[in-house]
Amino acid sequence: MKKYLLILFDTNENYEAMTPDDYQKEIELHGKWIQELGEHYDSGEALEEPSKTIRGKELLVTDGPFIEAKELVGGFYVIRANSFEEATDLAKGCPTLRLGGAVEVRPIMHIEM
């Protein structure tokens, strides 16, 4: 099986409006989804703010990235699938989508070192 990166995009508003109980339920939904993925699950983590971006030869450091003012990368998963289509179908179960977020599916290039 090949590995795929699922990048989770969300908005701050979704999480700012959550009570601690709502947030705990969201974490539980992600845990349940991970169990449903079974052998397809490899790893994943939620990401915290703030972030910094380093650009170019000049090593310019800025706050961000700012994809859109409201959008943020909230976390990622690495999954295994037999094809890009299968990885995309598996990503459709991600709880982030339930809140109106987005999931970007990217094949991970295997490079022999």
PDB file of N, CA and C in Angstrom:
ATOM      1  N   MET A   1       0.840  -1.191   0.000  1.00  0.00           N
ATOM      2  CA  MET A   1       0.000   0.000   0.000  1.00  0.00           C
ATOM      3  C   MET A   1       0.880   1.248   0.000  1.00  0.00           C
ATOM      4  N   LYS A   2       0.406   2.269  -0.648  1.00  0.00           N
ATOM      5  CA  LYS A   2       1.098   3.546  -0.725  1.00  0.00           C
ATOM      6  C   LYS A   2       0.598   4.471   0.395  1.00  0.00           C
ATOM      7  N   LYS A   3       1.431   5.418   0.815  1.00  0.00           N
ATOM      8  CA  LYS A   3       1.037   6.359   1.860  1.00  0.00           C
ATOM      9  C   LYS A   3       0.494   7.654   1.257  1.00  0.00           C
ATOM     10  N   TYR A   4      -0.487   8.237   1.961  1.00  0.00           N
ATOM     11  CA  TYR A   4      -1.118   9.492   1.558  1.00  0.00           C
ATOM     12  C   TYR A   4      -1.220  10.407   2.762  1.00  0.00           C
ATOM     13  N   LEU A   5      -0.992  11.692   2.525  1.00  0.00           N
ATOM     14  CA  LEU A   5      -1.126  12.702   3.562  1.00  0.00           C
ATOM     15  C   LEU A   5      -2.486  13.361   3.427  1.00  0.00           C
ATOM     16  N   LEU A   6      -3.232  13.394   4.515  1.00  0.00           N
ATOM     17  CA  LEU A   6      -4.506  14.109   4.559  1.00  0.00           C
ATOM     18  C   LEU A   6      -4.268  15.373   5.371  1.00  0.00           C
ATOM     19  N   ILE A   7      -4.404  16.527   4.750  1.00  0.00           N
ATOM     20  CA  ILE A   7      -4.207  17.805   5.422  1.00  0.00           C
ATOM     21  C   ILE A   7      -5.586  18.356   5.757  1.00  0.00           C
ATOM     22  N   LEU A   8      -5.819  18.624   7.041  1.00  0.00           N
ATOM     23  CA  LEU A   8      -7.131  19.054   7.508  1.00  0.00           C
ATOM     24  C   LEU A   8      -7.199  20.573   7.585  1.00  0.00           C
ATOM     25  N   PHE A   9      -8.108  21.167   6.827  1.00  0.00           N
ATOM     26  CA  PHE A   9      -8.326  22.612   6.834  1.00  0.00           C
ATOM     27  C   PHE A   9      -9.628  22.894   7.571  1.00  0.00           C
ATOM     28  N   ASP A  10      -9.603  23.910   8.398  1.00  0.00           N
ATOM     29  CA  ASP A  10     -10.783  24.267   9.179  1.00  0.00           C
ATOM     30  C   ASP A  10     -10.795  25.773   9.388  1.00  0.00           C
ATOM     31  N   THR A  11     -11.734  26.239  10.179  1.00  0.00           N
ATOM     32  CA  THR A  11     -11.795  27.660  10.519  1.00  0.00           C
ATOM     33  C   THR A  11     -11.742  27.813  12.033  1.00  0.00           C
ATOM     34  N   ASN A  12     -11.215  28.943  12.479  1.00  0.00           N
ATOM     35  CA  ASN A  12     -11.185  29.221  13.910  1.00  0.00           C
ATOM     36  C   ASN A  12     -12.580  29.274  14.502  1.00  0.00           C
ATOM     37  N   GLU A  13     -13.542  29.779  13.730  1.00  0.00           N
ATOM     38  CA  GLU A  13     -14.906  29.918  14.245  1.00  0.00           C
ATOM     39  C   GLU A  13     -15.484  28.584  14.718  1.00  0.00           C
ATOM     40  N   ASN A  14     -15.173  27.518  14.002  1.00  0.00           N
ATOM     41  CA  ASN A  14     -15.702  26.213  14.392  1.00  0.00           C
ATOM     42  C   ASN A  14     -15.262  25.825  15.792  1.00  0.00           C
ATOM     43  N   TYR A  15     -14.035  26.151  16.139  1.00  0.00           N
ATOM     44  CA  TYR A  15     -13.513  25.736  17.439  1.00  0.00           C
ATOM     45  C   TYR A  15     -13.759  26.767  18.529  1.00  0.00           C
ATOM     46  N   GLU A  16     -13.817  28.058  18.176  1.00  0.00           N
ATOM     47  CA  GLU A  16     -14.086  29.093  19.166  1.00  0.00           C
ATOM     48  C   GLU A  16     -15.486  28.955  19.740  1.00  0.00           C
ATOM     49  N   ALA A  17     -16.431  28.453  18.944  1.00  0.00           N
ATOM     50  CA  ALA A  17     -17.811  28.315  19.390  1.00  0.00           C
ATOM     51  C   ALA A  17     -18.047  27.045  20.214  1.00  0.00           C
ATOM     52  N   MET A  18     -17.064  26.159  20.274  1.00  0.00           N
ATOM     53  CA  MET A  18     -17.242  24.873  20.968  1.00  0.00           C
ATOM     54  C   MET A  18     -17.089  25.014  22.480  1.00  0.00           C
ATOM     55  N   THR A  19     -17.946  24.299  23.176  1.00  0.00           N
ATOM     56  CA  THR A  19     -17.778  24.149  24.618  1.00  0.00           C
ATOM     57  C   THR A  19     -16.720  23.068  24.839  1.00  0.00           C
ATOM     58  N   PRO A  20     -16.195  22.943  26.056  1.00  0.00           N
ATOM     59  CA  PRO A  20     -15.263  21.841  26.310  1.00  0.00           C
ATOM     60  C   PRO A  20     -15.869  20.471  25.992  1.00  0.00           C
ATOM     61  N   ASP A  21     -17.158  20.292  26.272  1.00  0.00           N
ATOM     62  CA  ASP A  21     -17.819  19.022  25.940  1.00  0.00           C
ATOM     63  C   ASP A  21     -17.888  18.799  24.431  1.00  0.00           C
ATOM     64  N   ASP A  22     -18.199  19.861  23.681  1.00  0.00           N
ATOM     65  CA  ASP A  22     -18.238  19.765  22.218  1.00  0.00           C
ATOM     66  C   ASP A  22     -16.873  19.361  21.681  1.00  0.00           C
ATOM     67  N   TYR A  23     -15.823  19.981  22.223  1.00  0.00           N
ATOM     68  CA  TYR A  23     -14.466  19.690  21.774  1.00  0.00           C
ATOM     69  C   TYR A  23     -14.097  18.239  22.076  1.00  0.00           C
ATOM     70  N   GLN A  24     -14.474  17.766  23.251  1.00  0.00           N
ATOM     71  CA  GLN A  24     -14.204  16.372  23.624  1.00  0.00           C
ATOM     72  C   GLN A  24     -14.934  15.413  22.680  1.00  0.00           C
ATOM     73  N   LYS A  25     -16.169  15.741  22.320  1.00  0.00           N
ATOM     74  CA  LYS A  25     -16.931  14.901  21.383  1.00  0.00           C
ATOM     75  C   LYS A  25     -16.248  14.871  20.018  1.00  0.00           C
ATOM     76  N   GLU A  26     -15.697  16.014  19.605  1.00  0.00           N
ATOM     77  CA  GLU A  26     -14.988  16.078  18.322  1.00  0.00           C
ATOM     78  C   GLU A  26     -13.756  15.177  18.346  1.00  0.00           C
ATOM     79  N   ILE A  27     -13.017  15.208  19.437  1.00  0.00           N
ATOM     80  CA  ILE A  27     -11.845  14.338  19.593  1.00  0.00           C
ATOM     81  C   ILE A  27     -12.277  12.872  19.545  1.00  0.00           C
ATOM     82  N   GLU A  28     -13.381  12.554  20.199  1.00  0.00           N
ATOM     83  CA  GLU A  28     -13.885  11.176  20.192  1.00  0.00           C
ATOM     84  C   GLU A  28     -14.291  10.735  18.788  1.00  0.00           C
ATOM     85  N   LEU A  29     -14.883  11.648  17.999  1.00  0.00           N
ATOM     86  CA  LEU A  29     -15.244  11.311  16.615  1.00  0.00           C
ATOM     87  C   LEU A  29     -14.001  10.995  15.787  1.00  0.00           C
ATOM     88  N   HIS A  30     -12.937  11.754  16.000  1.00  0.00           N
ATOM     89  CA  HIS A  30     -11.696  11.474  15.280  1.00  0.00           C
ATOM     90  C   HIS A  30     -11.123  10.126  15.715  1.00  0.00           C
ATOM     91  N   GLY A  31     -11.185   9.832  17.007  1.00  0.00           N
ATOM     92  CA  GLY A  31     -10.706   8.536  17.499  1.00  0.00           C
ATOM     93  C   GLY A  31     -11.495   7.384  16.902  1.00  0.00           C
ATOM     94  N   LYS A  32     -12.813   7.557  16.805  1.00  0.00           N
ATOM     95  CA  LYS A  32     -13.669   6.521  16.212  1.00  0.00           C
ATOM     96  C   LYS A  32     -13.320   6.322  14.737  1.00  0.00           C
ATOM     97  N   TRP A  33     -13.108   7.432  14.024  1.00  0.00           N
ATOM     98  CA  TRP A  33     -12.760   7.342  12.606  1.00  0.00           C
ATOM     99  C   TRP A  33     -11.428   6.626  12.422  1.00  0.00           C
ATOM    100  N   ILE A  34     -10.455   6.918  13.284  1.00  0.00           N
ATOM    101  CA  ILE A  34      -9.163   6.238  13.224  1.00  0.00           C
ATOM    102  C   ILE A  34      -9.352   4.732  13.387  1.00  0.00           C
ATOM    103  N   GLN A  35     -10.203   4.330  14.323  1.00  0.00           N
ATOM    104  CA  GLN A  35     -10.474   2.901  14.506  1.00  0.00           C
ATOM    105  C   GLN A  35     -11.125   2.306  13.262  1.00  0.00           C
ATOM    106  N   GLU A  36     -12.039   3.043  12.640  1.00  0.00           N
ATOM    107  CA  GLU A  36     -12.705   2.566  11.424  1.00  0.00           C
ATOM    108  C   GLU A  36     -11.711   2.416  10.266  1.00  0.00           C
ATOM    109  N   LEU A  37     -10.692   3.280  10.233  1.00  0.00           N
ATOM    110  CA  LEU A  37      -9.676   3.173   9.177  1.00  0.00           C
ATOM    111  C   LEU A  37      -8.871   1.884   9.298  1.00  0.00           C
ATOM    112  N   GLY A  38      -8.738   1.366  10.509  1.00  0.00           N
ATOM    113  CA  GLY A  38      -8.034   0.106  10.724  1.00  0.00           C
ATOM    114  C   GLY A  38      -6.628   0.138  10.170  1.00  0.00           C
ATOM    115  N   GLU A  39      -6.304  -0.843   9.323  1.00  0.00           N
ATOM    116  CA  GLU A  39      -4.945  -0.965   8.774  1.00  0.00           C
ATOM    117  C   GLU A  39      -4.558   0.196   7.856  1.00  0.00           C
ATOM    118  N   HIS A  40      -5.534   0.999   7.440  1.00  0.00           N
ATOM    119  CA  HIS A  40      -5.237   2.148   6.578  1.00  0.00           C
ATOM    120  C   HIS A  40      -4.595   3.296   7.365  1.00  0.00           C
ATOM    121  N   TYR A  41      -4.820   3.334   8.692  1.00  0.00           N
ATOM    122  CA  TYR A  41      -4.280   4.414   9.520  1.00  0.00           C
ATOM    123  C   TYR A  41      -2.800   4.202   9.768  1.00  0.00           C
ATOM    124  N   ASP A  42      -2.002   5.252   9.572  1.00  0.00           N
ATOM    125  CA  ASP A  42      -0.571   5.212   9.856  1.00  0.00           C
ATOM    126  C   ASP A  42      -0.241   6.117  11.038  1.00  0.00           C
ATOM    127  N   SER A  43      -0.613   7.394  10.946  1.00  0.00           N
ATOM    128  CA  SER A  43      -0.331   8.340  12.022  1.00  0.00           C
ATOM    129  C   SER A  43      -1.134   9.615  11.794  1.00  0.00           C
ATOM    130  N   GLY A  44      -1.073  10.501  12.756  1.00  0.00           N
ATOM    131  CA  GLY A  44      -1.745  11.781  12.628  1.00  0.00           C
ATOM    132  C   GLY A  44      -1.597  12.590  13.895  1.00  0.00           C
ATOM    133  N   GLU A  45      -1.754  13.886  13.753  1.00  0.00           N
ATOM    134  CA  GLU A  45      -1.632  14.795  14.890  1.00  0.00           C
ATOM    135  C   GLU A  45      -2.472  16.034  14.640  1.00  0.00           C
ATOM    136  N   ALA A  46      -2.973  16.612  15.727  1.00  0.00           N
ATOM    137  CA  ALA A  46      -3.573  17.943  15.668  1.00  0.00           C
ATOM    138  C   ALA A  46      -2.435  18.952  15.764  1.00  0.00           C
ATOM    139  N   LEU A  47      -2.629  20.114  15.186  1.00  0.00           N
ATOM    140  CA  LEU A  47      -1.606  21.155  15.210  1.00  0.00           C
ATOM    141  C   LEU A  47      -2.084  22.333  16.054  1.00  0.00           C
ATOM    142  N   GLU A  48      -1.152  22.964  16.727  1.00  0.00           N
ATOM    143  CA  GLU A  48      -1.450  24.134  17.547  1.00  0.00           C
ATOM    144  C   GLU A  48      -1.039  25.396  16.821  1.00  0.00           C
ATOM    145  N   GLU A  49      -1.552  26.520  17.270  1.00  0.00           N
ATOM    146  CA  GLU A  49      -1.117  27.829  16.795  1.00  0.00           C
ATOM    147  C   GLU A  49      -0.101  28.333  17.796  1.00  0.00           C
ATOM    148  N   PRO A  50       0.776  29.215  17.513  1.00  0.00           N
ATOM    149  CA  PRO A  50       0.959  29.931  16.259  1.00  0.00           C
ATOM    150  C   PRO A  50       1.794  29.126  15.281  1.00  0.00           C
ATOM    151  N   SER A  51       2.000  29.692  14.102  1.00  0.00           N
ATOM    152  CA  SER A  51       2.875  29.067  13.118  1.00  0.00           C
ATOM    153  C   SER A  51       3.767  30.139  12.508  1.00  0.00           C
ATOM    154  N   LYS A  52       4.852  29.703  11.927  1.00  0.00           N
ATOM    155  CA  LYS A  52       5.780  30.583  11.212  1.00  0.00           C
ATOM    156  C   LYS A  52       6.054  29.963   9.856  1.00  0.00           C
ATOM    157  N   THR A  53       6.291  30.799   8.862  1.00  0.00           N
ATOM    158  CA  THR A  53       6.671  30.350   7.536  1.00  0.00           C
ATOM    159  C   THR A  53       8.036  30.949   7.196  1.00  0.00           C
ATOM    160  N   ILE A  54       8.925  30.122   6.689  1.00  0.00           N
ATOM    161  CA  ILE A  54      10.247  30.559   6.276  1.00  0.00           C
ATOM    162  C   ILE A  54      10.291  30.436   4.762  1.00  0.00           C
ATOM    163  N   ARG A  55      10.641  31.547   4.080  1.00  0.00           N
ATOM    164  CA  ARG A  55      10.596  31.566   2.616  1.00  0.00           C
ATOM    165  C   ARG A  55      11.943  31.920   2.001  1.00  0.00           C
ATOM    166  N   GLY A  56      12.235  31.196   0.932  1.00  0.00           N
ATOM    167  CA  GLY A  56      13.309  31.542   0.021  1.00  0.00           C
ATOM    168  C   GLY A  56      14.711  31.528   0.584  1.00  0.00           C
ATOM    169  N   LYS A  57      15.619  31.867  -0.290  1.00  0.00           N
ATOM    170  CA  LYS A  57      17.044  31.904   0.049  1.00  0.00           C
ATOM    171  C   LYS A  57      17.340  32.924   1.138  1.00  0.00           C
ATOM    172  N   GLU A  58      16.483  33.945   1.214  1.00  0.00           N
ATOM    173  CA  GLU A  58      16.691  34.998   2.204  1.00  0.00           C
ATOM    174  C   GLU A  58      16.277  34.550   3.604  1.00  0.00           C
ATOM    175  N   LEU A  59      15.610  33.395   3.691  1.00  0.00           N
ATOM    176  CA  LEU A  59      15.119  32.853   4.963  1.00  0.00           C
ATOM    177  C   LEU A  59      14.212  33.843   5.687  1.00  0.00           C
ATOM    178  N   LEU A  60      13.337  34.471   4.925  1.00  0.00           N
ATOM    179  CA  LEU A  60      12.386  35.436   5.467  1.00  0.00           C
ATOM    180  C   LEU A  60      11.364  34.700   6.330  1.00  0.00           C
ATOM    181  N   VAL A  61      11.258  35.079   7.588  1.00  0.00           N
ATOM    182  CA  VAL A  61      10.328  34.445   8.529  1.00  0.00           C
ATOM    183  C   VAL A  61       9.130  35.359   8.702  1.00  0.00           C
ATOM    184  N   THR A  62       7.923  34.772   8.486  1.00  0.00           N
ATOM    185  CA  THR A  62       6.683  35.520   8.677  1.00  0.00           C
ATOM    186  C   THR A  62       5.725  34.693   9.515  1.00  0.00           C
ATOM    187  N   ASP A  63       4.764  35.379  10.126  1.00  0.00           N
ATOM    188  CA  ASP A  63       3.680  34.667  10.793  1.00  0.00           C
ATOM    189  C   ASP A  63       2.819  34.043   9.721  1.00  0.00           C
ATOM    190  N   GLY A  64       2.193  32.931  10.042  1.00  0.00           N
ATOM    191  CA  GLY A  64       1.324  32.309   9.056  1.00  0.00           C
ATOM    192  C   GLY A  64       1.723  30.875   8.831  1.00  0.00           C
ATOM    193  N   PRO A  65       1.298  30.206   7.830  1.00  0.00           N
ATOM    194  CA  PRO A  65       0.765  30.702   6.572  1.00  0.00           C
ATOM    195  C   PRO A  65      -0.664  31.208   6.705  1.00  0.00           C
ATOM    196  N   PHE A  66      -1.001  32.164   5.861  1.00  0.00           N
ATOM    197  CA  PHE A  66      -2.349  32.687   5.836  1.00  0.00           C
ATOM    198  C   PHE A  66      -2.969  32.314   4.501  1.00  0.00           C
ATOM    199  N   ILE A  67      -3.578  31.141   4.450  1.00  0.00           N
ATOM    200  CA  ILE A  67      -4.210  30.656   3.228  1.00  0.00           C
ATOM    201  C   ILE A  67      -5.384  31.562   2.901  1.00  0.00           C
ATOM    202  N   GLU A  68      -6.226  31.762   3.888  1.00  0.00           N
ATOM    203  CA  GLU A  68      -7.309  32.733   3.877  1.00  0.00           C
ATOM    204  C   GLU A  68      -7.376  33.230   5.297  1.00  0.00           C
ATOM    205  N   ALA A  69      -7.908  34.394   5.521  1.00  0.00           N
ATOM    206  CA  ALA A  69      -7.935  34.966   6.865  1.00  0.00           C
ATOM    207  C   ALA A  69      -8.597  34.032   7.870  1.00  0.00           C
ATOM    208  N   LYS A  70      -9.610  33.306   7.441  1.00  0.00           N
ATOM    209  CA  LYS A  70     -10.357  32.460   8.366  1.00  0.00           C
ATOM    210  C   LYS A  70      -9.873  31.014   8.391  1.00  0.00           C
ATOM    211  N   GLU A  71      -9.123  30.589   7.396  1.00  0.00           N
ATOM    212  CA  GLU A  71      -8.793  29.174   7.260  1.00  0.00           C
ATOM    213  C   GLU A  71      -7.478  28.835   7.945  1.00  0.00           C
ATOM    214  N   LEU A  72      -7.405  27.638   8.521  1.00  0.00           N
ATOM    215  CA  LEU A  72      -6.183  27.188   9.167  1.00  0.00           C
ATOM    216  C   LEU A  72      -5.986  25.704   8.924  1.00  0.00           C
ATOM    217  N   VAL A  73      -4.730  25.269   9.032  1.00  0.00           N
ATOM    218  CA  VAL A  73      -4.424  23.842   8.962  1.00  0.00           C
ATOM    219  C   VAL A  73      -4.513  23.342  10.398  1.00  0.00           C
ATOM    220  N   GLY A  74      -5.503  22.513  10.660  1.00  0.00           N
ATOM    221  CA  GLY A  74      -5.753  22.064  12.028  1.00  0.00           C
ATOM    222  C   GLY A  74      -5.056  20.771  12.396  1.00  0.00           C
ATOM    223  N   GLY A  75      -4.599  20.028  11.402  1.00  0.00           N
ATOM    224  CA  GLY A  75      -3.939  18.766  11.695  1.00  0.00           C
ATOM    225  C   GLY A  75      -3.705  17.980  10.428  1.00  0.00           C
ATOM    226  N   PHE A  76      -3.261  16.735  10.624  1.00  0.00           N
ATOM    227  CA  PHE A  76      -2.988  15.886   9.470  1.00  0.00           C
ATOM    228  C   PHE A  76      -3.114  14.415   9.882  1.00  0.00           C
ATOM    229  N   TYR A  77      -3.320  13.600   8.888  1.00  0.00           N
ATOM    230  CA  TYR A  77      -3.262  12.151   9.037  1.00  0.00           C
ATOM    231  C   TYR A  77      -2.391  11.610   7.923  1.00  0.00           C
ATOM    232  N   VAL A  78      -1.704  10.529   8.193  1.00  0.00           N
ATOM    233  CA  VAL A  78      -1.040   9.749   7.156  1.00  0.00           C
ATOM    234  C   VAL A  78      -1.779   8.421   7.108  1.00  0.00           C
ATOM    235  N   ILE A  79      -2.282   8.085   5.922  1.00  0.00           N
ATOM    236  CA  ILE A  79      -3.007   6.826   5.758  1.00  0.00           C
ATOM    237  C   ILE A  79      -2.334   5.998   4.678  1.00  0.00           C
ATOM    238  N   ARG A  80      -2.692   4.720   4.629  1.00  0.00           N
ATOM    239  CA  ARG A  80      -2.212   3.824   3.578  1.00  0.00           C
ATOM    240  C   ARG A  80      -3.416   3.400   2.738  1.00  0.00           C
ATOM    241  N   ALA A  81      -3.228   3.376   1.433  1.00  0.00           N
ATOM    242  CA  ALA A  81      -4.303   2.952   0.536  1.00  0.00           C
ATOM    243  C   ALA A  81      -3.688   2.338  -0.715  1.00  0.00           C
ATOM    244  N   ASN A  82      -4.487   1.556  -1.415  1.00  0.00           N
ATOM    245  CA  ASN A  82      -4.021   0.897  -2.631  1.00  0.00           C
ATOM    246  C   ASN A  82      -3.998   1.819  -3.838  1.00  0.00           C
ATOM    247  N   SER A  83      -4.725   2.943  -3.762  1.00  0.00           N
ATOM    248  CA  SER A  83      -4.774   3.876  -4.884  1.00  0.00           C
ATOM    249  C   SER A  83      -5.151   5.267  -4.375  1.00  0.00           C
ATOM    250  N   PHE A  84      -4.925   6.252  -5.230  1.00  0.00           N
ATOM    251  CA  PHE A  84      -5.313   7.622  -4.912  1.00  0.00           C
ATOM    252  C   PHE A  84      -6.826   7.707  -4.705  1.00  0.00           C
ATOM    253  N   GLU A  85      -7.574   6.976  -5.533  1.00  0.00           N
ATOM    254  CA  GLU A  85      -9.034   6.972  -5.423  1.00  0.00           C
ATOM    255  C   GLU A  85      -9.481   6.389  -4.087  1.00  0.00           C
ATOM    256  N   GLU A  86      -8.835   5.291  -3.652  1.00  0.00           N
ATOM    257  CA  GLU A  86      -9.186   4.701  -2.368  1.00  0.00           C
ATOM    258  C   GLU A  86      -8.857   5.672  -1.230  1.00  0.00           C
ATOM    259  N   ALA A  87      -7.710   6.344  -1.301  1.00  0.00           N
ATOM    260  CA  ALA A  87      -7.339   7.318  -0.271  1.00  0.00           C
ATOM    261  C   ALA A  87      -8.366   8.448  -0.211  1.00  0.00           C
ATOM    262  N   THR A  88      -8.820   8.900  -1.379  1.00  0.00           N
ATOM    263  CA  THR A  88      -9.824   9.963  -1.435  1.00  0.00           C
ATOM    264  C   THR A  88     -11.136   9.495  -0.820  1.00  0.00           C
ATOM    265  N   ASP A  89     -11.541   8.281  -1.118  1.00  0.00           N
ATOM    266  CA  ASP A  89     -12.773   7.737  -0.524  1.00  0.00           C
ATOM    267  C   ASP A  89     -12.646   7.613   0.993  1.00  0.00           C
ATOM    268  N   LEU A  90     -11.498   7.158   1.467  1.00  0.00           N
ATOM    269  CA  LEU A  90     -11.279   7.050   2.910  1.00  0.00           C
ATOM    270  C   LEU A  90     -11.329   8.424   3.570  1.00  0.00           C
ATOM    271  N   ALA A  91     -10.780   9.437   2.916  1.00  0.00           N
ATOM    272  CA  ALA A  91     -10.761  10.796   3.465  1.00  0.00           C
ATOM    273  C   ALA A  91     -12.164  11.373   3.636  1.00  0.00           C
ATOM    274  N   LYS A  92     -13.116  10.888   2.859  1.00  0.00           N
ATOM    275  CA  LYS A  92     -14.493  11.384   2.956  1.00  0.00           C
ATOM    276  C   LYS A  92     -15.129  11.101   4.314  1.00  0.00           C
ATOM    277  N   GLY A  93     -14.538  10.205   5.098  1.00  0.00           N
ATOM    278  CA  GLY A  93     -15.061   9.910   6.432  1.00  0.00           C
ATOM    279  C   GLY A  93     -14.489  10.787   7.528  1.00  0.00           C
ATOM    280  N   CYS A  94     -13.574  11.679   7.200  1.00  0.00           N
ATOM    281  CA  CYS A  94     -12.917  12.516   8.214  1.00  0.00           C
ATOM    282  C   CYS A  94     -13.927  13.438   8.900  1.00  0.00           C
ATOM    283  N   PRO A  95     -13.971  13.436  10.230  1.00  0.00           N
ATOM    284  CA  PRO A  95     -14.921  14.274  10.963  1.00  0.00           C
ATOM    285  C   PRO A  95     -14.783  15.773  10.701  1.00  0.00           C
ATOM    286  N   THR A  96     -13.632  16.234  10.241  1.00  0.00           N
ATOM    287  CA  THR A  96     -13.445  17.654   9.929  1.00  0.00           C
ATOM    288  C   THR A  96     -14.465  18.129   8.897  1.00  0.00           C
ATOM    289  N   LEU A  97     -14.847  17.249   7.986  1.00  0.00           N
ATOM    290  CA  LEU A  97     -15.802  17.604   6.936  1.00  0.00           C
ATOM    291  C   LEU A  97     -17.185  17.892   7.508  1.00  0.00           C
ATOM    292  N   ARG A  98     -17.520  17.240   8.600  1.00  0.00           N
ATOM    293  CA  ARG A  98     -18.814  17.416   9.250  1.00  0.00           C
ATOM    294  C   ARG A  98     -19.008  18.862   9.706  1.00  0.00           C
ATOM    295  N   LEU A  99     -17.903  19.541  10.028  1.00  0.00           N
ATOM    296  CA  LEU A  99     -17.954  20.926  10.498  1.00  0.00           C
ATOM    297  C   LEU A  99     -17.823  21.936   9.369  1.00  0.00           C
ATOM    298  N   GLY A 100     -17.769  21.446   8.121  1.00  0.00           N
ATOM    299  CA  GLY A 100     -17.625  22.342   6.988  1.00  0.00           C
ATOM    300  C   GLY A 100     -16.186  22.579   6.586  1.00  0.00           C
ATOM    301  N   GLY A 101     -15.260  21.828   7.176  1.00  0.00           N
ATOM    302  CA  GLY A 101     -13.846  21.951   6.831  1.00  0.00           C
ATOM    303  C   GLY A 101     -13.545  21.253   5.517  1.00  0.00           C
ATOM    304  N   ALA A 102     -12.267  21.147   5.208  1.00  0.00           N
ATOM    305  CA  ALA A 102     -11.822  20.501   3.974  1.00  0.00           C
ATOM    306  C   ALA A 102     -10.655  19.570   4.284  1.00  0.00           C
ATOM    307  N   VAL A 103     -10.497  18.552   3.442  1.00  0.00           N
ATOM    308  CA  VAL A 103      -9.381  17.617   3.569  1.00  0.00           C
ATOM    309  C   VAL A 103      -8.688  17.538   2.217  1.00  0.00           C
ATOM    310  N   GLU A 104      -7.406  17.871   2.203  1.00  0.00           N
ATOM    311  CA  GLU A 104      -6.604  17.740   0.989  1.00  0.00           C
ATOM    312  C   GLU A 104      -5.889  16.398   1.045  1.00  0.00           C
ATOM    313  N   VAL A 105      -5.977  15.627  -0.040  1.00  0.00           N
ATOM    314  CA  VAL A 105      -5.345  14.307  -0.124  1.00  0.00           C
ATOM    315  C   VAL A 105      -4.128  14.433  -1.023  1.00  0.00           C
ATOM    316  N   ARG A 106      -2.952  14.051  -0.496  1.00  0.00           N
ATOM    317  CA  ARG A 106      -1.720  14.150  -1.266  1.00  0.00           C
ATOM    318  C   ARG A 106      -0.953  12.832  -1.194  1.00  0.00           C
ATOM    319  N   PRO A 107      -0.553  12.258  -2.339  1.00  0.00           N
ATOM    320  CA  PRO A 107       0.297  11.079  -2.310  1.00  0.00           C
ATOM    321  C   PRO A 107       1.657  11.440  -1.724  1.00  0.00           C
ATOM    322  N   ILE A 108       2.207  10.567  -0.911  1.00  0.00           N
ATOM    323  CA  ILE A 108       3.538  10.766  -0.354  1.00  0.00           C
ATOM    324  C   ILE A 108       4.532  10.061  -1.268  1.00  0.00           C
ATOM    325  N   MET A 109       5.504  10.812  -1.772  1.00  0.00           N
ATOM    326  CA  MET A 109       6.499  10.253  -2.687  1.00  0.00           C
ATOM    327  C   MET A 109       7.511   9.429  -1.892  1.00  0.00           C
ATOM    328  N   HIS A 110       7.719   8.221  -2.325  1.00  0.00           N
ATOM    329  CA  HIS A 110       8.725   7.357  -1.686  1.00  0.00           C
ATOM    330  C   HIS A 110      10.050   7.550  -2.407  1.00  0.00           C
ATOM    331  N   ILE A 111      11.047   7.956  -1.662  1.00  0.00           N
ATOM    332  CA  ILE A 111      12.381   8.175  -2.240  1.00  0.00           C
ATOM    333  C   ILE A 111      13.357   7.267  -1.522  1.00  0.00           C
ATOM    334  N   GLU A 112      14.075   6.452  -2.292  1.00  0.00           N
ATOM    335  CA  GLU A 112      15.103   5.580  -1.718  1.00  0.00           C
ATOM    336  C   GLU A 112      16.314   6.418  -1.358  1.00  0.00           C
ATOM    337  N   MET A 113      16.822   6.256  -0.171  1.00  0.00           N
ATOM    338  CA  MET A 113      18.017   6.983   0.258  1.00  0.00           C
ATOM    339  C   MET A 113      19.181   6.026   0.383  1.00  0.00           C
TER     340      MET A 113
END
